[in-house]
Amino acid sequence: MTAVAGARAFPRVALFDLDGTLLDSAPDMLATVDAMRAARGRGPMAMEVLRPVVSKGARAMTAAAFPDVPAEERNLWIPEFLEIYERELGKHSALFDGVDAMLRALEDAGTAWGIVTNKPEYLARQTMPMLGWETRCAILIGGDTLPERKPHPLPLLHAAQVLGVTPADCVYVGDDERDIIAARAAEMRSVVALWGYRLHEDDPMAWQGDVLVESPHLLCNAHAWPER
C-alpha cells in the first residue's frame, strides 16, 4: 500500500539515505561479516538474518553476526569491520530497482538531490564514482561529517543550508525510523522507503512519515511525493 494522497509536484530538493534507500549494500555487508566470522572459525551468515539490520549500522550488524559475544568485545571489532567493508565496497552491491529512473526523473524536473547518510563520509564518498554520481549528487553528508548524526536533525538542516534552500523546500527519503525522526525534527517532509531494510517488528506506519512508498519506480511520478 502506498499513501500518496494530496501529492502534487516534485520537491525542489530531494535528500536520501544511502544504504537501504538508494543502494542495496547488504551483499557487501554480508561479505564483510562473513570474513570476520571466517577469521574466528565460524561459517557464513544467512543473508535473511543480516539484511534487516543493515540500516542500523556496524554495531547492529556485528551483533547479529556474533550474538553470543559481549557487546563491549564486539564494539572493539568495529575498526576491523570498517577496514574489511572498505575492501568489499561496491563489489557485490547494486542500486535498488527503479532508483536510477527515479533520480533521472528528478533531474529532468529540475530537482536537486543529495545524500545524508550515517555511513562514515569517507566510505560514502568512495561509492560516488562507482555509481557515476560524483557530479550528479548535489551534496553528500556522512555520519561523521558533523558533530551530530541522524536521528538528530543537524545533517538535514546543514544540507538545506548548503544548498541554499529552506527545510520546507526539501523532502527526505529513508528506510529507517531515525530517518523519519530526523526529517520531522528538521521540519522537512518525508518519504518512508518501504523497499529498504527493517526489522520484522518495525511498524513504518507508526513512524509518522508523510507518505509511504513501496518502490522507487513510484517516485518517478510527481504525484507520489508529499505535498508542500
C-alpha atoms as a PDB file:
ATOM      1  CA  MET A   1       0.000   0.000   0.000  1.00  0.00           C
ATOM      2  CA  THR A   2       1.305   3.456  -0.881  1.00  0.00           C
ATOM      3  CA  ALA A   3      -0.012   6.604   0.685  1.00  0.00           C
ATOM      4  CA  VAL A   4       0.282   9.438  -1.805  1.00  0.00           C
ATOM      5  CA  ALA A   5      -2.870  11.456  -1.250  1.00  0.00           C
ATOM      6  CA  GLY A   6      -2.510  15.177  -1.845  1.00  0.00           C
ATOM      7  CA  ALA A   7       0.836  14.967  -3.623  1.00  0.00           C
ATOM      8  CA  ARG A   8       1.217  17.462  -6.477  1.00  0.00           C
ATOM      9  CA  ALA A   9       4.803  18.062  -7.616  1.00  0.00           C
ATOM     10  CA  PHE A  10       8.418  17.062  -7.335  1.00  0.00           C
ATOM     11  CA  PRO A  11      10.201  18.782  -4.439  1.00  0.00           C
ATOM     12  CA  ARG A  12      12.771  21.493  -5.022  1.00  0.00           C
ATOM     13  CA  VAL A  13      15.370  19.313  -3.246  1.00  0.00           C
ATOM     14  CA  ALA A  14      15.231  15.570  -2.564  1.00  0.00           C
ATOM     15  CA  LEU A  15      17.587  14.182   0.088  1.00  0.00           C
ATOM     16  CA  PHE A  16      18.139  10.456   0.501  1.00  0.00           C
ATOM     17  CA  ASP A  17      19.533   7.980   2.943  1.00  0.00           C
ATOM     18  CA  LEU A  18      22.044   5.729   1.151  1.00  0.00           C
ATOM     19  CA  ASP A  19      22.079   2.114   2.374  1.00  0.00           C
ATOM     20  CA  GLY A  20      18.632   0.552   2.157  1.00  0.00           C
ATOM     21  CA  THR A  21      17.195   3.518   0.275  1.00  0.00           C
ATOM     22  CA  LEU A  22      19.280   4.094  -2.857  1.00  0.00           C
ATOM     23  CA  LEU A  23      21.815   1.300  -2.580  1.00  0.00           C
ATOM     24  CA  ASP A  24      21.237  -2.368  -1.779  1.00  0.00           C
ATOM     25  CA  SER A  25      24.536  -2.722   0.063  1.00  0.00           C
ATOM     26  CA  ALA A  26      23.543  -5.779   2.103  1.00  0.00           C
ATOM     27  CA  PRO A  27      25.661  -8.128  -0.086  1.00  0.00           C
ATOM     28  CA  ASP A  28      28.786  -6.036   0.657  1.00  0.00           C
ATOM     29  CA  MET A  29      27.931  -6.124   4.356  1.00  0.00           C
ATOM     30  CA  LEU A  30      27.424  -9.881   4.241  1.00  0.00           C
ATOM     31  CA  ALA A  31      30.843 -10.370   2.649  1.00  0.00           C
ATOM     32  CA  THR A  32      32.286  -8.234   5.441  1.00  0.00           C
ATOM     33  CA  VAL A  33      30.768 -10.138   8.364  1.00  0.00           C
ATOM     34  CA  ASP A  34      31.484 -13.465   6.673  1.00  0.00           C
ATOM     35  CA  ALA A  35      35.177 -12.535   6.506  1.00  0.00           C
ATOM     36  CA  MET A  36      35.082 -11.645  10.203  1.00  0.00           C
ATOM     37  CA  ARG A  37      33.319 -14.895  11.033  1.00  0.00           C
ATOM     38  CA  ALA A  38      35.779 -16.950   8.962  1.00  0.00           C
ATOM     39  CA  ALA A  39      38.684 -15.355  10.819  1.00  0.00           C
ATOM     40  CA  ARG A  40      37.113 -16.654  14.022  1.00  0.00           C
ATOM     41  CA  GLY A  41      36.449 -20.152  12.736  1.00  0.00           C
ATOM     42  CA  ARG A  42      32.762 -19.636  12.010  1.00  0.00           C
ATOM     43  CA  GLY A  43      30.741 -20.397   8.915  1.00  0.00           C
ATOM     44  CA  PRO A  44      28.904 -17.940   6.647  1.00  0.00           C
ATOM     45  CA  MET A  45      25.947 -15.934   7.924  1.00  0.00           C
ATOM     46  CA  ALA A  46      22.491 -16.149   6.357  1.00  0.00           C
ATOM     47  CA  MET A  47      21.523 -13.050   4.386  1.00  0.00           C
ATOM     48  CA  GLU A  48      17.997 -13.115   5.831  1.00  0.00           C
ATOM     49  CA  VAL A  49      19.465 -12.666   9.310  1.00  0.00           C
ATOM     50  CA  LEU A  50      21.748  -9.765   8.400  1.00  0.00           C
ATOM     51  CA  ARG A  51      19.580  -7.876   5.922  1.00  0.00           C
ATOM     52  CA  PRO A  52      17.012  -6.443   8.382  1.00  0.00           C
ATOM     53  CA  VAL A  53      19.724  -4.734  10.472  1.00  0.00           C
ATOM     54  CA  VAL A  54      21.899  -3.242   7.714  1.00  0.00           C
ATOM     55  CA  SER A  55      20.384   0.234   8.151  1.00  0.00           C
ATOM     56  CA  LYS A  56      21.094   0.078  11.895  1.00  0.00           C
ATOM     57  CA  GLY A  57      24.855   0.324  11.362  1.00  0.00           C
ATOM     58  CA  ALA A  58      28.070  -1.591  12.020  1.00  0.00           C
ATOM     59  CA  ARG A  59      27.355  -2.304  15.681  1.00  0.00           C
ATOM     60  CA  ALA A  60      23.972  -3.810  14.886  1.00  0.00           C
ATOM     61  CA  MET A  61      25.454  -5.933  12.117  1.00  0.00           C
ATOM     62  CA  THR A  62      28.285  -7.265  14.281  1.00  0.00           C
ATOM     63  CA  ALA A  63      25.717  -8.002  16.996  1.00  0.00           C
ATOM     64  CA  ALA A  64      23.673 -10.020  14.511  1.00  0.00           C
ATOM     65  CA  ALA A  65      26.793 -11.835  13.294  1.00  0.00           C
ATOM     66  CA  PHE A  66      28.116 -12.578  16.799  1.00  0.00           C
ATOM     67  CA  PRO A  67      25.109 -12.613  19.146  1.00  0.00           C
ATOM     68  CA  ASP A  68      26.976 -14.716  21.716  1.00  0.00           C
ATOM     69  CA  VAL A  69      29.860 -12.236  22.077  1.00  0.00           C
ATOM     70  CA  PRO A  70      29.528  -9.494  24.735  1.00  0.00           C
ATOM     71  CA  ALA A  71      28.799  -6.043  23.293  1.00  0.00           C
ATOM     72  CA  GLU A  72      31.895  -4.484  24.833  1.00  0.00           C
ATOM     73  CA  GLU A  73      34.078  -7.016  22.982  1.00  0.00           C
ATOM     74  CA  ARG A  74      32.171  -6.709  19.703  1.00  0.00           C
ATOM     75  CA  ASN A  75      32.465  -2.932  19.770  1.00  0.00           C
ATOM     76  CA  LEU A  76      36.246  -3.278  19.682  1.00  0.00           C
ATOM     77  CA  TRP A  77      35.837  -5.005  16.312  1.00  0.00           C
ATOM     78  CA  ILE A  78      34.216  -2.011  14.578  1.00  0.00           C
ATOM     79  CA  PRO A  79      37.521  -0.753  13.060  1.00  0.00           C
ATOM     80  CA  GLU A  80      38.048  -4.270  11.668  1.00  0.00           C
ATOM     81  CA  PHE A  81      34.520  -4.245  10.240  1.00  0.00           C
ATOM     82  CA  LEU A  82      35.131  -0.895   8.534  1.00  0.00           C
ATOM     83  CA  GLU A  83      38.528  -1.964   7.160  1.00  0.00           C
ATOM     84  CA  ILE A  84      37.090  -5.142   5.610  1.00  0.00           C
ATOM     85  CA  TYR A  85      33.997  -3.323   4.371  1.00  0.00           C
ATOM     86  CA  GLU A  86      36.155  -0.754   2.580  1.00  0.00           C
ATOM     87  CA  ARG A  87      37.776  -3.631   0.662  1.00  0.00           C
ATOM     88  CA  GLU A  88      34.378  -5.117  -0.219  1.00  0.00           C
ATOM     89  CA  LEU A  89      32.754  -1.778  -1.036  1.00  0.00           C
ATOM     90  CA  GLY A  90      30.855  -1.903  -4.305  1.00  0.00           C
ATOM     91  CA  LYS A  91      31.904  -5.451  -5.201  1.00  0.00           C
ATOM     92  CA  HIS A  92      28.530  -7.051  -4.524  1.00  0.00           C
ATOM     93  CA  SER A  93      26.028  -4.189  -4.071  1.00  0.00           C
ATOM     94  CA  ALA A  94      23.657  -2.657  -6.618  1.00  0.00           C
ATOM     95  CA  LEU A  95      21.098   0.110  -6.850  1.00  0.00           C
ATOM     96  CA  PHE A  96      17.598  -0.876  -5.892  1.00  0.00           C
ATOM     97  CA  ASP A  97      15.449  -1.451  -8.964  1.00  0.00           C
ATOM     98  CA  GLY A  98      13.989   1.856 -10.102  1.00  0.00           C
ATOM     99  CA  VAL A  99      16.470   4.146  -8.331  1.00  0.00           C
ATOM    100  CA  ASP A 100      18.246   5.267 -11.500  1.00  0.00           C
ATOM    101  CA  ALA A 101      14.955   6.064 -13.221  1.00  0.00           C
ATOM    102  CA  MET A 102      13.764   7.954 -10.141  1.00  0.00           C
ATOM    103  CA  LEU A 103      16.922  10.092  -9.984  1.00  0.00           C
ATOM    104  CA  ARG A 104      16.709  10.865 -13.681  1.00  0.00           C
ATOM    105  CA  ALA A 105      13.062  11.888 -13.287  1.00  0.00           C
ATOM    106  CA  LEU A 106      14.087  14.267 -10.517  1.00  0.00           C
ATOM    107  CA  GLU A 107      16.900  15.725 -12.608  1.00  0.00           C
ATOM    108  CA  ASP A 108      14.588  16.139 -15.601  1.00  0.00           C
ATOM    109  CA  ALA A 109      12.200  18.072 -13.355  1.00  0.00           C
ATOM    110  CA  GLY A 110      14.978  20.386 -12.148  1.00  0.00           C
ATOM    111  CA  THR A 111      15.114  18.864  -8.675  1.00  0.00           C
ATOM    112  CA  ALA A 112      18.499  18.810  -6.954  1.00  0.00           C
ATOM    113  CA  TRP A 113      19.201  15.640  -4.995  1.00  0.00           C
ATOM    114  CA  GLY A 114      21.717  14.690  -2.356  1.00  0.00           C
ATOM    115  CA  ILE A 115      22.601  12.088   0.233  1.00  0.00           C
ATOM    116  CA  VAL A 116      22.505  12.288   4.023  1.00  0.00           C
ATOM    117  CA  THR A 117      23.721   9.007   5.495  1.00  0.00           C
ATOM    118  CA  ASN A 118      25.072   7.721   8.795  1.00  0.00           C
ATOM    119  CA  LYS A 119      27.764   5.793   6.896  1.00  0.00           C
ATOM    120  CA  PRO A 120      31.217   7.338   7.505  1.00  0.00           C
ATOM    121  CA  GLU A 121      31.742  10.038   4.903  1.00  0.00           C
ATOM    122  CA  TYR A 122      34.976   8.547   3.510  1.00  0.00           C
ATOM    123  CA  LEU A 123      33.140   5.308   2.694  1.00  0.00           C
ATOM    124  CA  ALA A 124      30.063   7.015   1.270  1.00  0.00           C
ATOM    125  CA  ARG A 125      32.239   9.238  -0.885  1.00  0.00           C
ATOM    126  CA  GLN A 126      34.029   6.222  -2.367  1.00  0.00           C
ATOM    127  CA  THR A 127      30.708   4.928  -3.713  1.00  0.00           C
ATOM    128  CA  MET A 128      30.039   8.082  -5.762  1.00  0.00           C
ATOM    129  CA  PRO A 129      32.361   7.347  -8.739  1.00  0.00           C
ATOM    130  CA  MET A 130      31.362   3.678  -8.628  1.00  0.00           C
ATOM    131  CA  LEU A 131      27.780   4.779  -9.266  1.00  0.00           C
ATOM    132  CA  GLY A 132      28.583   7.664 -11.609  1.00  0.00           C
ATOM    133  CA  TRP A 133      27.195  10.133  -9.083  1.00  0.00           C
ATOM    134  CA  GLU A 134      30.256  12.274  -8.346  1.00  0.00           C
ATOM    135  CA  THR A 135      28.857  15.165 -10.437  1.00  0.00           C
ATOM    136  CA  ARG A 136      25.146  14.383 -10.084  1.00  0.00           C
ATOM    137  CA  CYS A 137      24.835  14.312  -6.301  1.00  0.00           C
ATOM    138  CA  ALA A 138      24.436  17.904  -5.082  1.00  0.00           C
ATOM    139  CA  ILE A 139      25.589  17.211  -1.522  1.00  0.00           C
ATOM    140  CA  LEU A 140      26.907  14.274   0.492  1.00  0.00           C
ATOM    141  CA  ILE A 141      26.863  14.269   4.280  1.00  0.00           C
ATOM    142  CA  GLY A 142      28.136  11.266   6.223  1.00  0.00           C
ATOM    143  CA  GLY A 143      27.615  10.157   9.769  1.00  0.00           C
ATOM    144  CA  ASP A 144      30.898  11.746  10.865  1.00  0.00           C
ATOM    145  CA  THR A 145      30.730  14.925   8.753  1.00  0.00           C
ATOM    146  CA  LEU A 146      29.133  16.931  11.560  1.00  0.00           C
ATOM    147  CA  PRO A 147      29.051  16.730  15.369  1.00  0.00           C
ATOM    148  CA  GLU A 148      25.622  15.063  15.201  1.00  0.00           C
ATOM    149  CA  ARG A 149      24.140  12.297  13.052  1.00  0.00           C
ATOM    150  CA  LYS A 150      20.608  11.052  12.413  1.00  0.00           C
ATOM    151  CA  PRO A 151      18.184  10.945  14.191  1.00  0.00           C
ATOM    152  CA  HIS A 152      19.455  14.423  15.090  1.00  0.00           C
ATOM    153  CA  PRO A 153      18.178  16.952  12.511  1.00  0.00           C
ATOM    154  CA  LEU A 154      21.522  18.763  12.120  1.00  0.00           C
ATOM    155  CA  PRO A 155      22.695  16.838   8.995  1.00  0.00           C
ATOM    156  CA  LEU A 156      19.433  17.576   7.194  1.00  0.00           C
ATOM    157  CA  LEU A 157      19.393  21.224   8.261  1.00  0.00           C
ATOM    158  CA  HIS A 158      23.021  21.602   7.177  1.00  0.00           C
ATOM    159  CA  ALA A 159      22.252  20.078   3.772  1.00  0.00           C
ATOM    160  CA  ALA A 160      19.426  22.556   3.213  1.00  0.00           C
ATOM    161  CA  GLN A 161      21.635  25.456   4.292  1.00  0.00           C
ATOM    162  CA  VAL A 162      24.485  24.470   1.974  1.00  0.00           C
ATOM    163  CA  LEU A 163      22.080  24.083  -0.946  1.00  0.00           C
ATOM    164  CA  GLY A 164      20.555  27.485  -0.221  1.00  0.00           C
ATOM    165  CA  VAL A 165      17.023  26.273   0.436  1.00  0.00           C
ATOM    166  CA  THR A 166      14.705  26.095   3.420  1.00  0.00           C
ATOM    167  CA  PRO A 167      13.781  22.788   5.084  1.00  0.00           C
ATOM    168  CA  ALA A 168      10.287  23.272   3.678  1.00  0.00           C
ATOM    169  CA  ASP A 169      11.790  23.076   0.171  1.00  0.00           C
ATOM    170  CA  CYS A 170      13.183  19.597   0.897  1.00  0.00           C
ATOM    171  CA  VAL A 171      11.893  16.046   1.184  1.00  0.00           C
ATOM    172  CA  TYR A 172      13.917  13.360   2.930  1.00  0.00           C
ATOM    173  CA  VAL A 173      13.619   9.728   1.851  1.00  0.00           C
ATOM    174  CA  GLY A 174      14.748   6.916   4.156  1.00  0.00           C
ATOM    175  CA  ASP A 175      14.059   3.341   5.171  1.00  0.00           C
ATOM    176  CA  ASP A 176      14.721   3.595   8.920  1.00  0.00           C
ATOM    177  CA  GLU A 177      12.740   5.210  11.732  1.00  0.00           C
ATOM    178  CA  ARG A 178      15.624   7.505  12.619  1.00  0.00           C
ATOM    179  CA  ASP A 179      15.432   8.942   9.085  1.00  0.00           C
ATOM    180  CA  ILE A 180      11.850   9.985   9.647  1.00  0.00           C
ATOM    181  CA  ILE A 181      12.554  11.263  13.163  1.00  0.00           C
ATOM    182  CA  ALA A 182      15.351  13.437  11.768  1.00  0.00           C
ATOM    183  CA  ALA A 183      13.144  14.774   8.974  1.00  0.00           C
ATOM    184  CA  ARG A 184      10.319  15.609  11.358  1.00  0.00           C
ATOM    185  CA  ALA A 185      12.723  17.391  13.746  1.00  0.00           C
ATOM    186  CA  ALA A 186      14.145  19.358  10.794  1.00  0.00           C
ATOM    187  CA  GLU A 187      10.601  20.252   9.682  1.00  0.00           C
ATOM    188  CA  MET A 188      11.141  18.507   6.358  1.00  0.00           C
ATOM    189  CA  ARG A 189       8.575  16.383   4.610  1.00  0.00           C
ATOM    190  CA  SER A 190       9.481  12.702   4.487  1.00  0.00           C
ATOM    191  CA  VAL A 191       9.027   9.551   2.448  1.00  0.00           C
ATOM    192  CA  VAL A 192       9.259   6.115   4.085  1.00  0.00           C
ATOM    193  CA  ALA A 193      11.090   3.801   1.675  1.00  0.00           C
ATOM    194  CA  LEU A 194       9.268   0.523   2.244  1.00  0.00           C
ATOM    195  CA  TRP A 195      11.622  -1.334  -0.099  1.00  0.00           C
ATOM    196  CA  GLY A 196      14.537  -0.947   2.322  1.00  0.00           C
ATOM    197  CA  TYR A 197      15.834  -2.776   5.377  1.00  0.00           C
ATOM    198  CA  ARG A 198      13.811  -3.105   8.558  1.00  0.00           C
ATOM    199  CA  LEU A 199      13.196  -5.497  11.399  1.00  0.00           C
ATOM    200  CA  HIS A 200      10.145  -7.739  11.396  1.00  0.00           C
ATOM    201  CA  GLU A 201       8.733  -5.903  14.390  1.00  0.00           C
ATOM    202  CA  ASP A 202       9.172  -2.436  12.879  1.00  0.00           C
ATOM    203  CA  ASP A 203       5.928  -0.600  12.103  1.00  0.00           C
ATOM    204  CA  PRO A 204       6.607   2.038   9.414  1.00  0.00           C
ATOM    205  CA  MET A 205       3.090   3.399   9.779  1.00  0.00           C
ATOM    206  CA  ALA A 206       3.980   4.421  13.344  1.00  0.00           C
ATOM    207  CA  TRP A 207       6.971   6.469  12.184  1.00  0.00           C
ATOM    208  CA  GLN A 208       4.650   9.275  11.028  1.00  0.00           C
ATOM    209  CA  GLY A 209       6.262   9.835   7.654  1.00  0.00           C
ATOM    210  CA  ASP A 210       4.309  11.974   5.218  1.00  0.00           C
ATOM    211  CA  VAL A 211       3.996   9.189   2.651  1.00  0.00           C
ATOM    212  CA  LEU A 212       4.901   5.510   2.477  1.00  0.00           C
ATOM    213  CA  VAL A 213       6.137   4.238  -0.885  1.00  0.00           C
ATOM    214  CA  GLU A 214       6.742   0.630  -1.903  1.00  0.00           C
ATOM    215  CA  SER A 215       9.078   1.123  -4.862  1.00  0.00           C
ATOM    216  CA  PRO A 216      11.478   3.747  -6.253  1.00  0.00           C
ATOM    217  CA  HIS A 217       9.601   3.407  -9.554  1.00  0.00           C
ATOM    218  CA  LEU A 218       6.606   5.136  -7.981  1.00  0.00           C
ATOM    219  CA  LEU A 219       8.730   8.194  -7.189  1.00  0.00           C
ATOM    220  CA  CYS A 220       9.244   8.763 -10.911  1.00  0.00           C
ATOM    221  CA  ASN A 221       5.775  10.321 -10.719  1.00  0.00           C
ATOM    222  CA  ALA A 222       5.481  13.764  -9.127  1.00  0.00           C
ATOM    223  CA  HIS A 223       2.181  12.773  -7.547  1.00  0.00           C
ATOM    224  CA  ALA A 224       3.916  10.219  -5.337  1.00  0.00           C
ATOM    225  CA  TRP A 225       5.811  12.930  -3.451  1.00  0.00           C
ATOM    226  CA  PRO A 226       4.308  14.637  -0.384  1.00  0.00           C
ATOM    227  CA  GLU A 227       2.558  17.932  -0.977  1.00  0.00           C
ATOM    228  CA  ARG A 228       4.253  21.054   0.299  1.00  0.00           C
END
